[in-house]
Amino acid sequence: MKKQISRSLCWALVCAMVLVQFLVPIQATAAPRRVYVDITGTDWTQVNVYTWDAKGTATTGTWPGSAMDRYVGNIYSYEIPADAVNIIFNSGSSQTADLVI
């Protein structure tokens, strides 16, 4: 009787392990994100975005980064890479502090 219970429990454990592999979602890769900046109150006529990853590697090109697109009014937007963890908005001559995304 003990062997039968042991086998049943073992079989149930194996089935549960197999089911978990199908039911637990696979972790998706991170997707790019869109950031926005409002330059109201500045004298900026252009806006760039400079980002870098956790290793310190630039992800939006070399300084001053990539030009942002005017969204509406004084608000600009840009789709940053998924691996970017830090960001600086700049006008080419002045800039924000290093910001954590």
C-alpha atoms as a PDB file:
ATOM      1  CA  MET A   1       0.000   0.000   0.000  1.00  0.00           C
ATOM      2  CA  LYS A   2       2.831   2.388   0.860  1.00  0.00           C
ATOM      3  CA  LYS A   3       4.497   1.701  -2.491  1.00  0.00           C
ATOM      4  CA  GLN A   4       1.269   2.455  -4.324  1.00  0.00           C
ATOM      5  CA  ILE A   5       0.838   5.785  -2.488  1.00  0.00           C
ATOM      6  CA  SER A   6       4.480   6.625  -3.089  1.00  0.00           C
ATOM      7  CA  ARG A   7       4.148   5.887  -6.816  1.00  0.00           C
ATOM      8  CA  SER A   8       0.940   7.904  -7.032  1.00  0.00           C
ATOM      9  CA  LEU A   9       2.543  10.890  -5.320  1.00  0.00           C
ATOM     10  CA  CYS A  10       5.611  10.606  -7.538  1.00  0.00           C
ATOM     11  CA  TRP A  11       3.425  10.445 -10.659  1.00  0.00           C
ATOM     12  CA  ALA A  12       1.403  13.454  -9.473  1.00  0.00           C
ATOM     13  CA  LEU A  13       4.628  15.404  -8.883  1.00  0.00           C
ATOM     14  CA  VAL A  14       5.928  14.602 -12.375  1.00  0.00           C
ATOM     15  CA  CYS A  15       2.601  15.639 -13.928  1.00  0.00           C
ATOM     16  CA  ALA A  16       2.600  18.880 -11.942  1.00  0.00           C
ATOM     17  CA  MET A  17       6.146  19.674 -13.075  1.00  0.00           C
ATOM     18  CA  VAL A  18       5.191  19.114 -16.723  1.00  0.00           C
ATOM     19  CA  LEU A  19       2.048  21.240 -16.390  1.00  0.00           C
ATOM     20  CA  VAL A  20       3.949  24.091 -14.755  1.00  0.00           C
ATOM     21  CA  GLN A  21       6.207  24.365 -17.800  1.00  0.00           C
ATOM     22  CA  PHE A  22       3.158  24.945 -20.004  1.00  0.00           C
ATOM     23  CA  LEU A  23       1.200  27.153 -17.621  1.00  0.00           C
ATOM     24  CA  VAL A  24       3.917  29.516 -16.393  1.00  0.00           C
ATOM     25  CA  PRO A  25       4.267  32.272 -18.970  1.00  0.00           C
ATOM     26  CA  ILE A  26       7.613  32.732 -20.611  1.00  0.00           C
ATOM     27  CA  GLN A  27       9.142  36.025 -19.565  1.00  0.00           C
ATOM     28  CA  ALA A  28       8.821  38.413 -22.469  1.00  0.00           C
ATOM     29  CA  THR A  29      11.668  40.612 -23.519  1.00  0.00           C
ATOM     30  CA  ALA A  30      11.330  44.246 -22.548  1.00  0.00           C
ATOM     31  CA  ALA A  31       9.846  46.547 -25.140  1.00  0.00           C
ATOM     32  CA  PRO A  32      10.950  50.064 -26.057  1.00  0.00           C
ATOM     33  CA  ARG A  33       9.253  52.837 -24.082  1.00  0.00           C
ATOM     34  CA  ARG A  34       8.089  56.278 -25.138  1.00  0.00           C
ATOM     35  CA  VAL A  35       9.277  59.181 -22.993  1.00  0.00           C
ATOM     36  CA  TYR A  36       7.956  62.736 -22.963  1.00  0.00           C
ATOM     37  CA  VAL A  37       9.482  66.012 -21.827  1.00  0.00           C
ATOM     38  CA  ASP A  38       7.831  69.416 -21.473  1.00  0.00           C
ATOM     39  CA  ILE A  39      10.262  72.255 -22.200  1.00  0.00           C
ATOM     40  CA  THR A  40       7.899  75.038 -21.107  1.00  0.00           C
ATOM     41  CA  GLY A  41       9.879  77.560 -19.088  1.00  0.00           C
ATOM     42  CA  THR A  42      13.166  76.900 -20.881  1.00  0.00           C
ATOM     43  CA  ASP A  43      14.793  78.693 -23.784  1.00  0.00           C
ATOM     44  CA  TRP A  44      15.361  75.418 -25.638  1.00  0.00           C
ATOM     45  CA  THR A  45      14.601  75.390 -29.370  1.00  0.00           C
ATOM     46  CA  GLN A  46      15.598  71.766 -29.860  1.00  0.00           C
ATOM     47  CA  VAL A  47      15.472  68.776 -27.540  1.00  0.00           C
ATOM     48  CA  ASN A  48      17.746  65.745 -27.563  1.00  0.00           C
ATOM     49  CA  VAL A  49      17.544  62.588 -25.540  1.00  0.00           C
ATOM     50  CA  TYR A  50      20.648  60.724 -24.400  1.00  0.00           C
ATOM     51  CA  THR A  51      20.247  57.317 -22.724  1.00  0.00           C
ATOM     52  CA  TRP A  52      22.553  54.571 -21.510  1.00  0.00           C
ATOM     53  CA  ASP A  53      22.200  51.038 -20.220  1.00  0.00           C
ATOM     54  CA  ALA A  54      23.252  49.435 -16.928  1.00  0.00           C
ATOM     55  CA  LYS A  55      26.784  48.884 -18.296  1.00  0.00           C
ATOM     56  CA  GLY A  56      27.157  52.592 -19.141  1.00  0.00           C
ATOM     57  CA  THR A  57      26.877  52.077 -22.899  1.00  0.00           C
ATOM     58  CA  ALA A  58      25.022  54.802 -24.810  1.00  0.00           C
ATOM     59  CA  THR A  59      21.775  53.527 -26.319  1.00  0.00           C
ATOM     60  CA  THR A  60      20.644  56.601 -28.288  1.00  0.00           C
ATOM     61  CA  GLY A  61      23.891  57.458 -30.037  1.00  0.00           C
ATOM     62  CA  THR A  62      26.810  59.631 -29.006  1.00  0.00           C
ATOM     63  CA  TRP A  63      26.362  62.910 -27.141  1.00  0.00           C
ATOM     64  CA  PRO A  64      24.080  64.877 -27.388  1.00  0.00           C
ATOM     65  CA  GLY A  65      21.930  61.855 -28.253  1.00  0.00           C
ATOM     66  CA  SER A  66      18.984  61.734 -30.628  1.00  0.00           C
ATOM     67  CA  ALA A  67      16.655  64.576 -31.568  1.00  0.00           C
ATOM     68  CA  MET A  68      13.203  64.232 -30.031  1.00  0.00           C
ATOM     69  CA  ASP A  69       9.978  64.711 -32.006  1.00  0.00           C
ATOM     70  CA  ARG A  70       7.544  67.516 -31.179  1.00  0.00           C
ATOM     71  CA  TYR A  71       4.459  65.841 -29.734  1.00  0.00           C
ATOM     72  CA  VAL A  72       2.254  68.871 -29.094  1.00  0.00           C
ATOM     73  CA  GLY A  73       3.087  72.422 -28.065  1.00  0.00           C
ATOM     74  CA  ASN A  74       6.218  72.356 -25.919  1.00  0.00           C
ATOM     75  CA  ILE A  75       6.034  68.613 -25.318  1.00  0.00           C
ATOM     76  CA  TYR A  76       8.494  66.342 -27.122  1.00  0.00           C
ATOM     77  CA  SER A  77       8.579  62.552 -27.288  1.00  0.00           C
ATOM     78  CA  TYR A  78      10.957  59.779 -28.232  1.00  0.00           C
ATOM     79  CA  GLU A  79      10.889  55.985 -28.134  1.00  0.00           C
ATOM     80  CA  ILE A  80      13.877  54.862 -26.093  1.00  0.00           C
ATOM     81  CA  PRO A  81      15.444  51.397 -26.233  1.00  0.00           C
ATOM     82  CA  ALA A  82      14.234  48.794 -23.750  1.00  0.00           C
ATOM     83  CA  ASP A  83      17.658  48.420 -22.134  1.00  0.00           C
ATOM     84  CA  ALA A  84      18.034  52.141 -21.321  1.00  0.00           C
ATOM     85  CA  VAL A  85      18.167  52.755 -17.557  1.00  0.00           C
ATOM     86  CA  ASN A  86      19.321  56.383 -17.392  1.00  0.00           C
ATOM     87  CA  ILE A  87      18.390  59.455 -19.409  1.00  0.00           C
ATOM     88  CA  ILE A  88      19.394  63.077 -19.953  1.00  0.00           C
ATOM     89  CA  PHE A  89      17.301  65.602 -21.859  1.00  0.00           C
ATOM     90  CA  ASN A  90      19.364  68.376 -23.411  1.00  0.00           C
ATOM     91  CA  SER A  91      19.288  71.268 -25.845  1.00  0.00           C
ATOM     92  CA  GLY A  92      22.811  70.698 -27.060  1.00  0.00           C
ATOM     93  CA  SER A  93      24.177  73.256 -24.609  1.00  0.00           C
ATOM     94  CA  SER A  94      22.145  72.876 -21.400  1.00  0.00           C
ATOM     95  CA  GLN A  95      20.776  69.702 -19.886  1.00  0.00           C
ATOM     96  CA  THR A  96      18.821  68.028 -17.133  1.00  0.00           C
ATOM     97  CA  ALA A  97      20.520  66.039 -14.399  1.00  0.00           C
ATOM     98  CA  ASP A  98      21.190  62.326 -14.937  1.00  0.00           C
ATOM     99  CA  LEU A  99      17.742  60.789 -14.457  1.00  0.00           C
ATOM    100  CA  VAL A 100      16.897  57.183 -13.630  1.00  0.00           C
ATOM    101  CA  ILE A 101      14.206  55.676 -15.835  1.00  0.00           C
END
